[in-house]
Amino acid sequence: MNRSKQSRHTNAFILLLLEESESAYGAQILSRLQADLPFCLTDSPSVYRALQEMEDKSWVKSSWIAPKTGAPRKWYSITPQGRMALHDYAKDITQRQANFNYFLEHYGRLMQK
């Protein structure tokens, strides 16, 4: 599987992460996705494209924070519109999961023959 391909639900995973952590910067988001997801189908450019897209839709907001040492970082947090989008993603994923479960059940029966 091509790991540089953006997952259909990259935005959903980023929104979920931001809801859990309140705020994060891009590299943190990618690191968490790579560490936490069983099959991370995203890379750095995909995360930043998704963040830009979600910022354009007002699902996330950003602010630059300059630490005492090191380069400034752009921190992202979820907005009320982002929480509504997260809820919509949850409904979509639930429906897809039901279809995937159907597929796997029927496929499993075929493989037992």
Protein backbone atom coordinates (compact mmCIF):
# COMPACT_ATOMS: atom_id res chain seq x y z
CA MET A 1 0.00 0.00 0.00
CA ASN A 2 1.31 3.47 -0.86
CA ARG A 3 2.01 5.26 2.45
CA SER A 4 2.25 8.69 0.79
CA LYS A 5 -1.38 8.53 -0.29
CA GLN A 6 -3.75 10.62 1.79
CA SER A 7 -6.45 8.62 3.50
CA ARG A 8 -10.06 9.52 2.76
CA HIS A 9 -10.45 10.21 6.47
CA THR A 10 -7.24 12.11 7.23
CA ASN A 11 -9.31 15.15 8.21
CA ALA A 12 -11.39 13.03 10.59
CA PHE A 13 -8.31 11.68 12.35
CA ILE A 14 -6.76 15.15 12.65
CA LEU A 15 -9.99 16.60 14.05
CA LEU A 16 -10.23 13.74 16.54
CA LEU A 17 -6.64 14.30 17.63
CA LEU A 18 -7.23 18.04 18.05
CA GLU A 19 -10.41 17.40 20.04
CA GLU A 20 -8.45 15.10 22.36
CA SER A 21 -5.40 17.33 22.77
CA GLU A 22 -6.94 20.82 22.46
CA SER A 23 -4.11 22.03 20.21
CA ALA A 24 -1.07 20.75 18.35
CA TYR A 25 1.33 21.78 15.62
CA GLY A 26 1.72 19.97 12.31
CA ALA A 27 4.71 17.77 13.17
CA GLN A 28 3.04 16.70 16.43
CA ILE A 29 -0.10 15.77 14.54
CA LEU A 30 1.82 13.64 12.04
CA SER A 31 3.82 11.95 14.82
CA ARG A 32 0.64 11.09 16.72
CA LEU A 33 -1.07 9.73 13.60
CA GLN A 34 1.96 7.58 12.79
CA ALA A 35 2.24 6.33 16.38
CA ASP A 36 -1.45 5.77 17.11
CA LEU A 37 -3.10 4.58 13.89
CA PRO A 38 -2.80 0.89 13.06
CA PHE A 39 -2.34 1.81 9.37
CA CYS A 40 -1.29 5.43 8.90
CA LEU A 41 -1.91 6.35 5.28
CA THR A 42 -0.63 9.90 5.43
CA ASP A 43 2.59 11.86 5.24
CA SER A 44 3.75 15.37 6.11
CA PRO A 45 2.50 17.08 2.92
CA SER A 46 -0.90 15.41 3.34
CA VAL A 47 -1.23 16.60 6.93
CA TYR A 48 -0.39 20.19 6.01
CA ARG A 49 -2.75 20.14 3.00
CA ALA A 50 -5.52 18.79 5.24
CA LEU A 51 -4.84 21.44 7.89
CA GLN A 52 -4.95 24.20 5.26
CA GLU A 53 -8.18 22.82 3.80
CA MET A 54 -9.77 22.59 7.24
CA GLU A 55 -8.60 26.10 8.13
CA ASP A 56 -10.20 27.38 4.91
CA LYS A 57 -13.46 25.68 5.98
CA SER A 58 -13.15 27.15 9.52
CA TRP A 59 -12.93 23.66 11.04
CA VAL A 60 -9.62 24.55 12.68
CA LYS A 61 -8.00 27.80 13.68
CA SER A 62 -4.32 28.47 13.97
CA SER A 63 -1.94 30.78 15.75
CA TRP A 64 1.79 31.22 15.62
CA ILE A 65 3.58 30.68 18.91
CA ALA A 66 7.23 31.61 19.31
CA PRO A 67 8.95 29.67 22.09
CA LYS A 68 11.80 31.23 24.06
CA THR A 69 14.19 29.10 22.01
CA GLY A 70 13.68 27.60 18.58
CA ALA A 71 11.56 28.51 15.62
CA PRO A 72 7.94 29.69 15.88
CA ARG A 73 5.33 27.01 15.30
CA LYS A 74 1.84 27.20 13.89
CA TRP A 75 -0.53 25.62 16.43
CA TYR A 76 -3.95 24.34 15.42
CA SER A 77 -7.13 23.86 17.45
CA ILE A 78 -10.58 22.61 16.56
CA THR A 79 -13.49 25.05 16.19
CA PRO A 80 -17.22 24.50 16.79
CA GLN A 81 -17.61 23.96 13.02
CA GLY A 82 -14.80 21.38 13.24
CA ARG A 83 -16.67 19.56 16.00
CA MET A 84 -19.74 19.38 13.75
CA ALA A 85 -17.56 18.00 10.94
CA LEU A 86 -16.06 15.48 13.38
CA HIS A 87 -19.58 14.32 14.27
CA ASP A 88 -20.42 13.95 10.56
CA TYR A 89 -17.23 11.94 9.99
CA ALA A 90 -18.18 9.66 12.90
CA LYS A 91 -21.55 8.93 11.28
CA ASP A 92 -19.89 8.26 7.91
CA ILE A 93 -17.26 5.97 9.44
CA THR A 94 -19.94 4.05 11.37
CA GLN A 95 -21.85 3.39 8.14
CA ARG A 96 -18.68 2.37 6.29
CA GLN A 97 -17.71 0.07 9.15
CA ALA A 98 -21.07 -1.69 8.89
CA ASN A 99 -20.47 -2.26 5.17
CA PHE A 100 -16.90 -3.45 5.78
CA ASN A 101 -18.15 -5.87 8.46
CA TYR A 102 -20.69 -7.24 5.96
CA PHE A 103 -17.95 -7.67 3.36
CA LEU A 104 -15.56 -9.43 5.74
CA GLU A 105 -18.27 -11.74 7.05
CA HIS A 106 -19.29 -12.81 3.55
CA TYR A 107 -15.72 -13.02 2.32
CA GLY A 108 -14.82 -15.17 5.31
CA ARG A 109 -17.63 -17.59 4.48
CA LEU A 110 -16.41 -17.88 0.89
CA MET A 111 -12.87 -18.62 2.05
CA GLN A 112 -14.12 -21.43 4.31
CA LYS A 113 -15.61 -23.34 1.34
